[in-house]
N, C-alpha and C. Protein backbone atom coordinates (compact mmCIF):
# COMPACT_ATOMS: atom_id res chain seq x y z
N UNK A 1 25.16 -42.04 -63.59
CA UNK A 1 25.85 -43.56 -64.01
C UNK A 1 27.38 -43.59 -64.01
N UNK A 2 27.37 -44.40 -63.67
CA UNK A 2 29.32 -44.94 -63.78
C UNK A 2 29.42 -44.99 -65.57
N UNK A 3 30.52 -45.03 -66.01
CA UNK A 3 30.99 -44.75 -67.31
C UNK A 3 31.19 -46.31 -67.68
N UNK A 4 30.35 -47.07 -68.27
CA UNK A 4 30.46 -48.62 -68.61
C UNK A 4 31.53 -48.50 -69.98
N UNK A 5 32.47 -48.99 -69.86
CA UNK A 5 33.54 -49.09 -71.34
C UNK A 5 32.99 -50.27 -72.01
N UNK A 6 32.43 -51.54 -71.47
CA UNK A 6 32.31 -52.68 -72.20
C UNK A 6 30.99 -53.01 -71.80
N UNK A 7 30.41 -53.74 -72.78
CA UNK A 7 29.26 -54.56 -72.23
C UNK A 7 29.39 -55.85 -72.54
N UNK A 8 28.99 -57.10 -72.00
CA UNK A 8 29.18 -58.62 -72.26
C UNK A 8 27.55 -59.19 -72.38
N UNK A 9 27.10 -59.72 -73.21
CA UNK A 9 26.20 -60.37 -73.35
C UNK A 9 26.33 -61.63 -72.90
N UNK A 10 27.21 -62.28 -72.79
CA UNK A 10 28.00 -63.39 -72.80
C UNK A 10 27.52 -64.36 -71.24
N UNK A 11 27.31 -63.74 -69.93
CA UNK A 11 26.64 -64.29 -69.01
C UNK A 11 25.44 -64.44 -68.55
N UNK A 12 24.86 -65.65 -68.59
CA UNK A 12 23.65 -65.49 -67.88
C UNK A 12 23.48 -66.51 -66.91
N UNK A 13 22.29 -67.20 -66.00
CA UNK A 13 22.54 -68.14 -64.95
C UNK A 13 22.81 -69.33 -65.80
N UNK A 14 23.95 -69.56 -64.79
CA UNK A 14 24.93 -71.28 -65.23
C UNK A 14 24.93 -71.18 -66.74
N UNK A 15 25.29 -70.20 -67.76
CA UNK A 15 25.78 -70.06 -68.76
C UNK A 15 26.92 -69.02 -68.93
N UNK A 16 28.08 -69.92 -69.48
CA UNK A 16 28.99 -69.27 -69.72
C UNK A 16 29.91 -69.43 -71.03
N UNK A 17 30.80 -68.47 -71.42
CA UNK A 17 31.33 -68.44 -72.59
C UNK A 17 31.99 -69.87 -73.00
N UNK A 18 32.12 -70.27 -74.30
CA UNK A 18 32.63 -71.52 -74.71
C UNK A 18 33.71 -71.99 -73.95
N UNK A 19 34.78 -70.94 -73.90
CA UNK A 19 36.22 -71.53 -73.52
C UNK A 19 36.22 -71.61 -71.49
N UNK A 20 34.83 -70.93 -71.08
CA UNK A 20 35.03 -71.49 -69.70
C UNK A 20 33.99 -72.41 -69.24
N UNK A 21 33.21 -73.13 -69.89
CA UNK A 21 32.63 -73.86 -70.18
C UNK A 21 33.55 -75.26 -70.43
N UNK A 22 34.80 -74.64 -71.46
CA UNK A 22 35.45 -76.05 -71.45
C UNK A 22 36.38 -76.40 -70.13
N UNK A 23 36.68 -75.34 -69.69
CA UNK A 23 37.35 -75.29 -68.52
C UNK A 23 36.50 -76.17 -66.99
N UNK A 24 35.24 -75.52 -66.87
CA UNK A 24 34.78 -76.20 -66.03
C UNK A 24 34.33 -77.62 -66.39
N UNK A 25 34.34 -77.97 -67.69
CA UNK A 25 33.99 -79.50 -67.51
C UNK A 25 35.48 -80.15 -67.47
N UNK A 26 36.70 -79.90 -67.17
CA UNK A 26 37.82 -80.40 -66.57
C UNK A 26 37.47 -80.98 -64.92
N UNK A 27 36.19 -80.45 -64.37
CA UNK A 27 36.24 -80.76 -63.22
C UNK A 27 34.93 -81.53 -63.08
N UNK A 28 35.32 -82.54 -61.83
CA UNK A 28 33.76 -83.73 -61.22
C UNK A 28 33.09 -82.72 -60.29
N UNK A 29 32.61 -81.68 -60.66
CA UNK A 29 31.63 -81.04 -59.74
C UNK A 29 30.81 -81.99 -58.89
N UNK A 30 31.03 -81.92 -57.42
CA UNK A 30 29.96 -82.07 -56.38
C UNK A 30 29.23 -81.23 -56.04
N UNK A 31 29.55 -80.10 -56.10
CA UNK A 31 28.53 -78.84 -55.60
C UNK A 31 28.26 -78.39 -56.82
N UNK A 32 26.84 -78.23 -57.45
CA UNK A 32 26.77 -77.36 -58.80
C UNK A 32 26.82 -75.99 -58.70
N UNK A 33 26.44 -75.34 -56.89
CA UNK A 33 26.94 -73.78 -56.79
C UNK A 33 28.17 -73.83 -56.83
N UNK A 34 29.02 -74.41 -56.41
CA UNK A 34 30.51 -74.25 -56.43
C UNK A 34 31.23 -73.90 -57.87
N UNK A 35 29.92 -74.78 -58.84
CA UNK A 35 30.57 -74.62 -60.14
C UNK A 35 29.77 -73.30 -60.77
N UNK A 36 28.98 -72.68 -60.15
CA UNK A 36 28.52 -71.67 -60.73
C UNK A 36 29.43 -70.42 -60.54
N UNK A 37 29.71 -70.38 -59.17
CA UNK A 37 30.43 -69.28 -58.86
C UNK A 37 31.73 -69.21 -59.15
N UNK A 38 32.40 -70.62 -59.44
CA UNK A 38 33.74 -70.62 -60.23
C UNK A 38 33.52 -70.21 -61.45
N UNK A 39 32.31 -70.50 -62.19
CA UNK A 39 32.16 -70.20 -63.69
C UNK A 39 32.44 -68.95 -63.56
N UNK A 40 31.24 -67.86 -62.89
CA UNK A 40 31.36 -66.58 -62.80
C UNK A 40 32.75 -66.00 -62.76
N UNK A 41 33.62 -66.44 -61.44
CA UNK A 41 34.90 -65.76 -61.70
C UNK A 41 35.73 -66.07 -62.60
N UNK A 42 35.71 -67.21 -63.29
CA UNK A 42 36.68 -67.42 -64.75
C UNK A 42 36.13 -66.83 -65.63
N UNK A 43 34.84 -65.95 -65.77
CA UNK A 43 34.69 -65.18 -66.97
C UNK A 43 35.03 -63.80 -66.72
N UNK A 44 34.93 -63.27 -65.77
CA UNK A 44 35.67 -62.26 -65.14
C UNK A 44 37.28 -62.03 -65.50
N UNK A 45 37.46 -63.23 -65.23
CA UNK A 45 39.38 -63.43 -64.91
C UNK A 45 39.28 -63.41 -66.08
N UNK A 46 39.09 -63.88 -67.30
CA UNK A 46 39.16 -64.31 -68.84
C UNK A 46 39.03 -63.17 -69.46
N UNK A 47 37.82 -62.55 -69.11
CA UNK A 47 37.33 -61.24 -70.05
C UNK A 47 37.45 -59.63 -69.62
N UNK A 48 37.92 -59.37 -68.68
CA UNK A 48 38.24 -58.53 -68.29
C UNK A 48 39.72 -57.91 -68.31
N UNK A 49 40.08 -56.52 -68.98
CA UNK A 49 41.40 -56.22 -69.23
C UNK A 49 42.03 -55.63 -67.63
N UNK A 50 43.32 -55.80 -67.37
CA UNK A 50 43.46 -54.71 -66.38
C UNK A 50 43.30 -53.29 -66.22
N UNK A 51 43.26 -52.42 -65.46
CA UNK A 51 42.64 -51.18 -65.19
C UNK A 51 41.80 -50.68 -66.19
N UNK A 52 40.67 -51.35 -66.37
CA UNK A 52 39.44 -51.32 -67.20
C UNK A 52 38.03 -51.19 -66.11
N UNK A 53 37.90 -49.54 -65.69
CA UNK A 53 36.52 -49.58 -65.39
C UNK A 53 35.47 -49.17 -66.12
N UNK A 54 34.36 -48.94 -65.95
CA UNK A 54 33.63 -49.99 -65.35
C UNK A 54 33.03 -51.00 -66.39
N UNK A 55 32.71 -52.46 -66.08
CA UNK A 55 31.96 -52.97 -67.03
C UNK A 55 30.83 -53.77 -66.81
N UNK A 56 30.02 -54.03 -67.88
CA UNK A 56 28.53 -54.09 -67.82
C UNK A 56 28.27 -55.45 -68.33
N UNK A 57 27.68 -56.22 -67.49
CA UNK A 57 26.91 -58.00 -68.29
C UNK A 57 25.45 -57.96 -68.27
N UNK A 58 24.97 -57.85 -69.43
CA UNK A 58 23.45 -57.97 -68.96
C UNK A 58 23.54 -59.63 -69.08
N UNK A 59 22.40 -59.63 -68.26
CA UNK A 59 22.22 -61.18 -67.80
C UNK A 59 21.20 -61.95 -67.43
N UNK A 60 19.88 -61.09 -68.07
CA UNK A 60 18.70 -61.48 -67.88
C UNK A 60 17.59 -60.21 -68.36
N UNK A 61 16.56 -60.70 -68.37
CA UNK A 61 15.47 -59.51 -68.49
C UNK A 61 14.25 -59.93 -68.16
N UNK A 62 13.28 -58.75 -67.91
CA UNK A 62 12.40 -58.83 -67.43
C UNK A 62 11.15 -59.44 -68.69
N UNK A 63 9.81 -59.91 -68.54
CA UNK A 63 8.93 -60.21 -69.83
C UNK A 63 8.57 -59.06 -70.50
N UNK A 64 8.65 -57.98 -70.02
CA UNK A 64 8.45 -56.39 -70.64
C UNK A 64 9.67 -56.20 -71.26
N UNK A 65 11.13 -57.13 -71.54
CA UNK A 65 12.23 -56.30 -71.82
C UNK A 65 13.22 -55.73 -70.75
N UNK A 66 12.74 -55.16 -69.79
CA UNK A 66 13.07 -54.68 -68.86
C UNK A 66 14.66 -55.44 -68.20
N UNK A 67 15.95 -54.69 -68.82
CA UNK A 67 17.28 -55.47 -68.14
C UNK A 67 17.47 -55.62 -66.62
N UNK A 68 18.24 -56.72 -67.04
CA UNK A 68 18.93 -57.15 -65.65
C UNK A 68 19.99 -57.46 -65.50
N UNK A 69 21.41 -56.49 -65.13
CA UNK A 69 22.57 -56.33 -65.43
C UNK A 69 23.71 -56.09 -64.27
N UNK A 70 24.67 -56.66 -64.25
CA UNK A 70 25.55 -56.62 -63.60
C UNK A 70 26.66 -55.25 -63.85
N UNK A 71 27.12 -54.45 -62.72
CA UNK A 71 28.44 -53.41 -62.70
C UNK A 71 29.55 -54.07 -62.33
N UNK A 72 30.25 -54.11 -63.09
CA UNK A 72 31.81 -54.62 -62.00
C UNK A 72 33.24 -53.39 -62.23
N UNK A 73 33.80 -53.04 -61.55
CA UNK A 73 33.66 -53.59 -60.03
C UNK A 73 32.48 -52.98 -59.27
N UNK A 74 31.94 -53.27 -58.11
CA UNK A 74 31.42 -52.46 -56.99
C UNK A 74 32.04 -51.55 -56.61
N UNK A 75 31.37 -50.80 -55.97
CA UNK A 75 32.02 -49.60 -55.74
C UNK A 75 32.90 -49.70 -54.57
N UNK A 76 32.64 -50.59 -53.59
CA UNK A 76 33.17 -50.53 -52.07
C UNK A 76 34.19 -51.38 -51.99
N UNK A 77 34.06 -52.85 -52.82
CA UNK A 77 34.69 -54.14 -52.21
C UNK A 77 35.49 -54.39 -53.27
N UNK A 78 35.33 -53.92 -54.29
CA UNK A 78 36.24 -54.40 -55.59
C UNK A 78 36.62 -55.71 -55.84
N UNK A 79 37.63 -56.27 -56.01
CA UNK A 79 38.08 -57.54 -56.10
C UNK A 79 36.86 -58.09 -57.15
N UNK A 80 36.54 -59.39 -56.93
CA UNK A 80 35.68 -60.10 -57.68
C UNK A 80 33.99 -59.50 -57.20
N UNK A 81 33.62 -58.62 -56.59
CA UNK A 81 32.53 -58.21 -56.16
C UNK A 81 32.00 -57.33 -57.69
N UNK A 82 30.52 -57.35 -57.16
CA UNK A 82 29.96 -56.93 -58.55
C UNK A 82 28.36 -56.07 -57.94
N UNK A 83 28.05 -55.07 -58.53
CA UNK A 83 26.50 -54.58 -58.21
C UNK A 83 25.66 -55.29 -59.34
N UNK A 84 24.41 -55.27 -58.71
CA UNK A 84 23.04 -56.15 -59.52
C UNK A 84 22.31 -54.99 -59.56
N UNK A 85 21.44 -54.91 -60.94
CA UNK A 85 21.02 -53.88 -61.16
C UNK A 85 19.74 -54.26 -61.76
N UNK A 86 18.68 -53.89 -61.75
CA UNK A 86 17.33 -54.10 -62.37
C UNK A 86 16.62 -52.49 -63.00
N UNK A 87 16.64 -52.26 -64.08
CA UNK A 87 16.46 -50.78 -64.65
C UNK A 87 14.86 -50.60 -63.87
N UNK A 88 14.49 -49.57 -63.44
CA UNK A 88 13.47 -49.28 -63.04
C UNK A 88 13.24 -49.74 -61.21
N UNK A 89 14.39 -50.26 -60.77
CA UNK A 89 13.91 -50.89 -59.05
C UNK A 89 14.04 -49.24 -58.32
N UNK A 90 14.85 -48.61 -58.93
CA UNK A 90 14.60 -46.74 -58.07
C UNK A 90 14.97 -45.98 -59.01
N UNK A 91 14.82 -45.18 -58.71
CA UNK A 91 15.47 -43.71 -59.55
C UNK A 91 16.70 -43.03 -59.73
N UNK A 92 17.57 -44.06 -58.93
CA UNK A 92 18.89 -44.11 -58.94
C UNK A 92 19.48 -44.12 -60.27
N UNK A 93 20.84 -43.73 -60.37
CA UNK A 93 21.49 -44.00 -62.08
C UNK A 93 21.91 -45.52 -61.86
N UNK A 94 21.97 -46.04 -60.75
CA UNK A 94 22.45 -47.40 -60.83
C UNK A 94 21.23 -48.38 -59.95
N UNK A 95 20.10 -48.93 -60.74
CA UNK A 95 19.29 -48.99 -59.83
C UNK A 95 19.28 -50.46 -59.12
N UNK A 96 19.90 -50.83 -58.13
CA UNK A 96 20.64 -52.00 -57.31
C UNK A 96 19.58 -52.10 -56.37
N UNK A 97 19.14 -53.64 -56.52
CA UNK A 97 17.99 -54.39 -55.13
C UNK A 97 19.28 -54.50 -54.38
N UNK A 98 18.97 -54.00 -53.20
CA UNK A 98 19.36 -54.56 -52.06
C UNK A 98 19.02 -55.56 -51.20
N UNK A 99 19.46 -56.18 -50.31
CA UNK A 99 18.99 -57.37 -49.63
C UNK A 99 17.63 -56.49 -48.70
N UNK A 100 17.68 -55.81 -47.79
CA UNK A 100 16.65 -55.02 -47.19
C UNK A 100 15.73 -55.01 -48.47
N UNK A 101 15.82 -54.26 -49.41
CA UNK A 101 15.09 -53.77 -50.28
C UNK A 101 14.03 -55.03 -50.48
N UNK A 102 14.37 -56.36 -50.85
CA UNK A 102 14.06 -57.46 -51.36
C UNK A 102 13.17 -58.50 -49.90
N UNK A 103 13.72 -58.17 -48.62
CA UNK A 103 13.01 -58.70 -47.60
C UNK A 103 12.00 -57.65 -47.11
N UNK A 104 12.14 -56.20 -47.52
CA UNK A 104 10.74 -55.17 -47.56
C UNK A 104 9.88 -55.99 -48.18
N UNK A 105 9.98 -56.22 -49.29
CA UNK A 105 9.08 -56.24 -50.44
C UNK A 105 8.29 -57.51 -49.54
N UNK A 106 8.85 -58.48 -49.64
CA UNK A 106 8.49 -59.81 -48.87
C UNK A 106 7.36 -59.63 -47.87
N UNK A 107 8.35 -58.71 -46.75
CA UNK A 107 7.07 -58.13 -45.84
C UNK A 107 5.78 -57.74 -46.10
N UNK A 108 5.91 -56.94 -46.62
CA UNK A 108 4.77 -56.10 -47.29
C UNK A 108 3.91 -57.12 -47.92
N UNK A 109 4.55 -57.78 -48.57
CA UNK A 109 3.32 -58.78 -49.49
C UNK A 109 2.76 -60.07 -48.44
N UNK A 110 3.76 -60.17 -47.67
CA UNK A 110 2.98 -61.23 -46.09
C UNK A 110 2.05 -60.26 -45.65
N UNK A 111 2.15 -59.14 -45.34
CA UNK A 111 1.37 -58.48 -44.54
C UNK A 111 -0.05 -58.06 -45.40
N UNK A 112 -0.02 -57.72 -46.94
CA UNK A 112 -1.23 -56.98 -47.20
C UNK A 112 -2.11 -58.39 -48.20
N UNK A 113 -1.34 -59.40 -48.60
CA UNK A 113 -1.62 -60.34 -49.41
C UNK A 113 -2.07 -61.66 -49.17
N UNK A 114 -2.67 -62.52 -49.81
CA UNK A 114 -2.94 -63.69 -49.16
C UNK A 114 -1.86 -64.61 -49.28
N UNK A 115 -2.12 -65.14 -48.17
CA UNK A 115 -1.10 -66.60 -47.66
C UNK A 115 -0.79 -67.52 -48.69
N UNK A 116 -1.31 -67.75 -49.59
CA UNK A 116 -0.87 -69.03 -50.53
C UNK A 116 0.15 -68.21 -51.43
N UNK A 117 -0.17 -66.90 -52.10
CA UNK A 117 0.80 -66.38 -52.70
C UNK A 117 1.93 -65.77 -52.09
N UNK A 118 2.15 -65.51 -50.79
CA UNK A 118 3.32 -65.45 -50.27
C UNK A 118 4.13 -66.66 -49.92
N UNK A 119 3.18 -67.70 -49.51
CA UNK A 119 4.02 -68.83 -49.63
C UNK A 119 4.49 -69.44 -50.87
N UNK A 120 3.75 -68.79 -51.87
CA UNK A 120 4.66 -69.47 -53.46
C UNK A 120 5.58 -68.89 -53.33
N UNK A 121 6.04 -67.41 -53.50
CA UNK A 121 7.17 -66.55 -53.42
C UNK A 121 8.02 -66.90 -52.29
N UNK A 122 7.82 -67.40 -51.26
CA UNK A 122 8.83 -67.65 -50.19
C UNK A 122 9.57 -68.88 -50.91
N UNK A 123 8.68 -69.88 -51.05
CA UNK A 123 9.10 -71.30 -52.15
C UNK A 123 10.29 -70.67 -52.94
N UNK A 124 10.02 -70.01 -54.07
CA UNK A 124 10.38 -69.60 -55.18
C UNK A 124 11.84 -69.10 -54.66
N UNK A 125 11.88 -67.96 -53.71
CA UNK A 125 13.16 -67.39 -52.99
C UNK A 125 13.88 -68.87 -52.68
N UNK A 126 13.44 -69.67 -52.07
CA UNK A 126 14.32 -70.72 -51.35
C UNK A 126 14.57 -71.74 -52.47
N UNK A 127 14.13 -71.59 -53.37
CA UNK A 127 14.20 -72.56 -54.55
C UNK A 127 15.52 -71.95 -55.44
N UNK A 128 15.82 -70.83 -55.57
CA UNK A 128 16.84 -70.09 -55.99
C UNK A 128 17.75 -70.12 -55.12
N UNK A 129 17.61 -69.88 -53.64
CA UNK A 129 18.59 -70.17 -52.93
C UNK A 129 19.68 -71.49 -53.13
N UNK A 130 18.71 -72.57 -53.57
CA UNK A 130 18.79 -73.97 -53.81
C UNK A 130 19.73 -74.31 -55.15
N UNK A 131 19.67 -73.38 -55.80
CA UNK A 131 20.30 -73.55 -56.96
C UNK A 131 19.55 -73.31 -58.29
N UNK A 132 17.89 -73.36 -57.76
CA UNK A 132 16.99 -73.17 -59.15
C UNK A 132 17.34 -71.76 -59.84
N UNK A 133 16.85 -72.17 -61.18
CA UNK A 133 16.87 -70.61 -61.80
C UNK A 133 15.76 -69.90 -61.93
N UNK A 134 15.48 -68.62 -62.22
CA UNK A 134 14.47 -67.91 -61.66
C UNK A 134 13.36 -68.23 -62.70
N UNK A 135 13.53 -68.32 -64.12
CA UNK A 135 12.72 -69.13 -65.17
C UNK A 135 12.13 -70.57 -64.63
N UNK A 136 12.82 -71.52 -63.88
CA UNK A 136 12.25 -72.37 -63.20
C UNK A 136 11.09 -72.01 -62.32
N UNK A 137 11.62 -71.60 -61.18
CA UNK A 137 10.69 -70.92 -59.98
C UNK A 137 9.59 -70.43 -60.53
N UNK A 138 9.76 -69.51 -61.50
CA UNK A 138 8.48 -68.64 -61.86
C UNK A 138 7.56 -69.81 -62.72
N UNK A 139 8.25 -70.69 -63.11
CA UNK A 139 7.33 -71.58 -63.74
C UNK A 139 6.38 -72.57 -63.38
N UNK A 140 7.09 -72.55 -61.91
CA UNK A 140 6.69 -73.56 -61.02
C UNK A 140 5.79 -72.89 -60.26
N UNK A 141 5.77 -71.75 -59.81
CA UNK A 141 4.91 -71.00 -58.80
C UNK A 141 4.70 -69.65 -59.54
N UNK A 142 4.52 -69.57 -60.39
CA UNK A 142 3.98 -67.84 -61.08
C UNK A 142 2.80 -67.73 -60.76
N UNK A 143 1.92 -69.03 -61.59
CA UNK A 143 0.28 -68.80 -61.38
C UNK A 143 -0.39 -68.84 -59.85
N UNK A 144 0.53 -69.13 -59.01
CA UNK A 144 0.03 -68.87 -57.56
C UNK A 144 0.53 -67.34 -57.15
N UNK A 145 1.00 -66.78 -58.04
CA UNK A 145 1.27 -65.06 -57.70
C UNK A 145 0.04 -64.22 -57.53
N UNK A 146 -0.67 -63.90 -56.72
CA UNK A 146 -1.79 -63.04 -56.97
C UNK A 146 -1.00 -61.88 -55.82
N UNK A 147 -0.39 -61.03 -56.31
CA UNK A 147 -0.18 -59.92 -55.36
C UNK A 147 -0.85 -58.53 -55.57
N UNK A 148 -0.82 -57.65 -54.81
CA UNK A 148 -1.64 -56.42 -54.49
C UNK A 148 -0.42 -55.30 -54.66
N UNK A 149 0.47 -55.50 -53.60
CA UNK A 149 1.27 -54.65 -53.35
C UNK A 149 3.04 -55.06 -53.47
N UNK A 150 3.62 -54.20 -53.72
CA UNK A 150 5.13 -54.44 -53.90
C UNK A 150 5.41 -54.11 -55.32
N UNK A 151 6.57 -55.03 -55.79
CA UNK A 151 6.91 -55.18 -57.22
C UNK A 151 6.59 -56.36 -57.80
N UNK A 152 6.36 -56.10 -59.00
CA UNK A 152 6.32 -57.37 -59.44
C UNK A 152 7.09 -58.82 -59.32
N UNK A 153 6.84 -59.75 -59.04
CA UNK A 153 7.60 -60.76 -58.28
C UNK A 153 8.76 -61.11 -59.23
N UNK A 154 8.65 -60.97 -60.77
CA UNK A 154 10.00 -61.18 -61.33
C UNK A 154 10.96 -60.34 -61.15
N UNK A 155 10.63 -59.53 -60.98
CA UNK A 155 11.51 -58.06 -60.52
C UNK A 155 12.23 -58.22 -59.38
N UNK A 156 11.75 -59.42 -58.22
CA UNK A 156 12.55 -59.70 -57.13
C UNK A 156 13.28 -60.91 -56.96
N UNK A 157 12.58 -61.66 -58.30
CA UNK A 157 13.55 -63.01 -58.43
C UNK A 157 14.26 -63.32 -59.71
N UNK A 158 14.62 -61.82 -60.45
CA UNK A 158 15.24 -62.76 -61.51
C UNK A 158 17.10 -62.21 -60.95
N UNK A 159 16.88 -60.92 -60.14
CA UNK A 159 18.37 -60.38 -60.10
C UNK A 159 18.79 -61.24 -58.48
N UNK A 160 17.96 -61.90 -57.91
CA UNK A 160 18.27 -62.57 -56.87
C UNK A 160 19.02 -63.53 -56.74
N UNK A 161 19.57 -64.75 -57.77
CA UNK A 161 20.58 -65.79 -57.73
C UNK A 161 21.87 -64.97 -57.58
N UNK A 162 21.56 -63.54 -58.64
CA UNK A 162 23.09 -62.86 -58.51
C UNK A 162 23.50 -62.40 -57.33
N UNK A 163 22.55 -61.99 -56.34
CA UNK A 163 23.02 -61.56 -55.18
C UNK A 163 23.48 -62.56 -54.17
N UNK A 164 22.82 -63.87 -54.30
CA UNK A 164 23.44 -64.76 -53.92
C UNK A 164 24.53 -65.52 -54.16
N UNK A 165 25.07 -65.35 -55.62
CA UNK A 165 26.35 -65.73 -56.37
C UNK A 165 26.99 -64.62 -56.05
N UNK A 166 27.40 -63.56 -55.62
CA UNK A 166 27.55 -62.19 -55.00
C UNK A 166 28.32 -62.63 -53.29
N UNK A 167 27.47 -63.18 -52.87
CA UNK A 167 27.59 -63.50 -51.39
C UNK A 167 28.63 -64.71 -51.56
N UNK A 168 28.25 -65.76 -52.39
CA UNK A 168 29.17 -66.77 -52.38
C UNK A 168 30.50 -66.49 -52.79
N UNK A 169 30.65 -65.61 -53.53
CA UNK A 169 31.99 -64.94 -53.81
C UNK A 169 32.63 -64.03 -52.43
N UNK A 170 31.99 -63.55 -52.12
CA UNK A 170 32.40 -62.50 -51.24
C UNK A 170 32.73 -63.40 -49.85
N UNK A 171 31.74 -64.31 -49.61
CA UNK A 171 32.22 -64.82 -48.49
C UNK A 171 32.49 -66.41 -48.82
N UNK A 172 33.51 -66.31 -49.35
CA UNK A 172 33.90 -67.49 -50.28
C UNK A 172 34.18 -68.82 -49.33
N UNK A 173 34.80 -68.56 -48.19
CA UNK A 173 34.76 -70.05 -47.41
C UNK A 173 34.06 -69.77 -46.20
N UNK A 174 33.62 -69.26 -46.07
CA UNK A 174 32.51 -68.54 -44.84
C UNK A 174 30.88 -68.86 -44.97
N UNK A 175 30.05 -68.06 -44.79
CA UNK A 175 28.74 -68.08 -44.78
C UNK A 175 28.21 -68.31 -46.38
N UNK A 176 28.85 -67.53 -47.05
CA UNK A 176 28.29 -67.34 -48.13
C UNK A 176 26.95 -67.04 -48.68
N UNK A 177 25.93 -67.70 -49.31
CA UNK A 177 24.72 -67.62 -49.32
C UNK A 177 23.55 -67.90 -48.32
N UNK A 178 24.52 -68.59 -47.25
CA UNK A 178 23.51 -68.80 -45.83
C UNK A 178 23.66 -67.30 -45.22
N UNK A 179 24.36 -66.53 -45.43
CA UNK A 179 24.54 -65.22 -44.72
C UNK A 179 22.75 -64.11 -44.80
N UNK A 180 22.28 -64.57 -45.86
CA UNK A 180 20.97 -63.83 -45.90
C UNK A 180 19.75 -64.65 -46.04
N UNK A 181 19.95 -65.91 -46.12
CA UNK A 181 18.71 -66.39 -46.30
C UNK A 181 18.02 -66.45 -45.11
N UNK A 182 18.78 -66.07 -43.99
CA UNK A 182 17.80 -66.99 -42.63
C UNK A 182 16.45 -65.79 -42.55
N UNK A 183 16.68 -64.39 -42.74
CA UNK A 183 15.51 -63.32 -42.79
C UNK A 183 14.22 -63.98 -43.40
N UNK A 184 14.33 -64.63 -44.69
CA UNK A 184 13.48 -65.03 -45.60
C UNK A 184 12.71 -66.04 -44.90
N UNK A 185 13.84 -67.11 -44.23
CA UNK A 185 13.07 -68.16 -43.51
C UNK A 185 12.06 -67.52 -42.22
N UNK A 186 12.73 -66.36 -41.72
CA UNK A 186 11.78 -65.91 -40.74
C UNK A 186 10.69 -65.09 -41.03
N UNK A 187 10.68 -64.56 -42.46
CA UNK A 187 9.26 -64.12 -42.66
C UNK A 187 8.43 -64.91 -42.97
N UNK A 188 8.97 -66.25 -43.56
CA UNK A 188 7.99 -67.59 -44.08
C UNK A 188 7.63 -67.89 -43.02
N UNK A 189 8.19 -68.10 -41.75
CA UNK A 189 7.62 -68.62 -40.67
C UNK A 189 6.69 -67.70 -39.83
N UNK A 190 6.60 -66.32 -40.26
CA UNK A 190 5.94 -65.62 -39.57
C UNK A 190 6.15 -64.92 -38.20
N UNK A 191 7.51 -64.91 -38.25
CA UNK A 191 7.87 -64.09 -37.11
C UNK A 191 7.61 -63.04 -37.75
N UNK A 192 6.77 -61.81 -36.41
CA UNK A 192 6.46 -60.79 -36.16
C UNK A 192 7.58 -59.60 -36.38
N UNK A 193 7.29 -58.51 -36.92
CA UNK A 193 8.75 -57.59 -37.34
C UNK A 193 9.37 -56.89 -36.46
N UNK A 194 8.58 -56.86 -35.25
CA UNK A 194 9.46 -56.32 -33.77
C UNK A 194 10.53 -57.40 -33.41
N UNK A 195 10.70 -58.72 -34.00
CA UNK A 195 11.41 -59.61 -33.48
C UNK A 195 12.50 -59.86 -34.95
N UNK A 196 12.26 -58.86 -35.85
CA UNK A 196 13.42 -58.89 -37.25
C UNK A 196 14.44 -57.91 -37.11
N UNK A 197 15.25 -58.37 -37.44
CA UNK A 197 16.54 -57.12 -37.75
C UNK A 197 16.10 -56.54 -39.09
N UNK A 198 15.36 -55.76 -39.31
CA UNK A 198 14.74 -55.37 -40.83
C UNK A 198 14.54 -53.87 -40.68
N UNK A 199 14.94 -52.72 -41.32
CA UNK A 199 14.74 -51.77 -41.50
C UNK A 199 13.69 -51.41 -42.79
N UNK A 200 12.53 -51.36 -42.46
CA UNK A 200 11.68 -51.67 -44.25
C UNK A 200 11.61 -50.54 -44.89
N UNK A 201 11.69 -50.84 -46.07
CA UNK A 201 11.71 -49.71 -47.09
C UNK A 201 10.30 -49.33 -47.32
N UNK A 202 9.90 -48.05 -47.39
CA UNK A 202 8.35 -47.10 -47.33
C UNK A 202 7.88 -48.08 -48.53
N UNK A 203 6.44 -48.32 -48.43
CA UNK A 203 5.74 -49.27 -49.24
C UNK A 203 5.45 -48.25 -50.49
N UNK A 204 5.21 -46.84 -50.03
CA UNK A 204 4.63 -45.91 -50.68
C UNK A 204 5.97 -45.80 -51.89
N UNK A 205 7.41 -45.75 -51.07
CA UNK A 205 8.56 -45.59 -52.13
C UNK A 205 8.47 -46.73 -53.06
N UNK A 206 8.32 -47.94 -52.57
CA UNK A 206 8.35 -48.93 -53.64
C UNK A 206 6.87 -48.84 -54.64
N UNK A 207 5.98 -48.35 -54.57
CA UNK A 207 5.16 -48.19 -55.01
C UNK A 207 5.07 -46.93 -56.43
N UNK A 208 6.19 -46.04 -55.85
CA UNK A 208 6.38 -45.10 -56.74
C UNK A 208 7.62 -45.52 -58.12
N UNK A 209 7.78 -46.55 -58.12
CA UNK A 209 8.64 -47.08 -59.11
C UNK A 209 8.24 -47.84 -60.29
N UNK A 210 8.91 -48.30 -61.31
CA UNK A 210 8.02 -48.41 -62.23
C UNK A 210 8.09 -49.76 -62.25
N UNK A 211 8.81 -50.55 -61.62
CA UNK A 211 8.34 -52.42 -61.36
C UNK A 211 7.45 -52.48 -60.15
N UNK A 212 6.38 -51.43 -59.69
CA UNK A 212 5.42 -51.73 -59.04
C UNK A 212 4.55 -52.65 -59.51
N UNK A 213 3.78 -53.25 -58.41
CA UNK A 213 2.22 -53.85 -59.28
C UNK A 213 1.49 -52.93 -59.71
N UNK A 214 1.06 -53.05 -60.92
CA UNK A 214 0.18 -51.99 -61.76
C UNK A 214 -1.11 -51.81 -60.92
N UNK A 215 -1.55 -50.56 -60.97
CA UNK A 215 -2.55 -49.98 -60.45
C UNK A 215 -2.51 -49.73 -58.87
N UNK A 216 -1.48 -49.30 -58.36
CA UNK A 216 -0.87 -48.77 -56.87
C UNK A 216 -1.16 -47.26 -57.13
């Protein structure tokens, strides 16, 4: 695991330190998603010192207390990029969900579980894409989740807004979060695997992780 020199607890979904909030209040935002990405960038800018690697941001936790956190900078892209991690996602030192991991989990749920549950989790993902928080979509759709395969739904949903925010920052004036949502829409629409640009994560590999649906 990388050597995290400082950790922050002041960054949550749409929650920023007081001085960042004061700066954001100076602008009349017509796009809340732009406010969100600017708030994240301002937090990094104000609280990180030069020549300081690596930093951790505790951003959320699962219902059992499993932490969801960011590591900055990411290994390859530097700049304002970051790595989103969920403890127990895999057995690596820095357990980071990738977009293909999330898509694979959704695919296996589509193939093995009932259509109503799959529709509910896709609506939850699309809600987060539109700017809802994980807590909001879990409250709205959580009672409809009845899955037997893959990871527990909150392990997919809690890191997802940060994967979208990272895309918004990295592709600032281009596709942003639109870059990765199309595959979710195709899964939702029932497009077969043969027509998807997706290299699946093995289901047994998913079920070997601590975040797998119980009783696998």
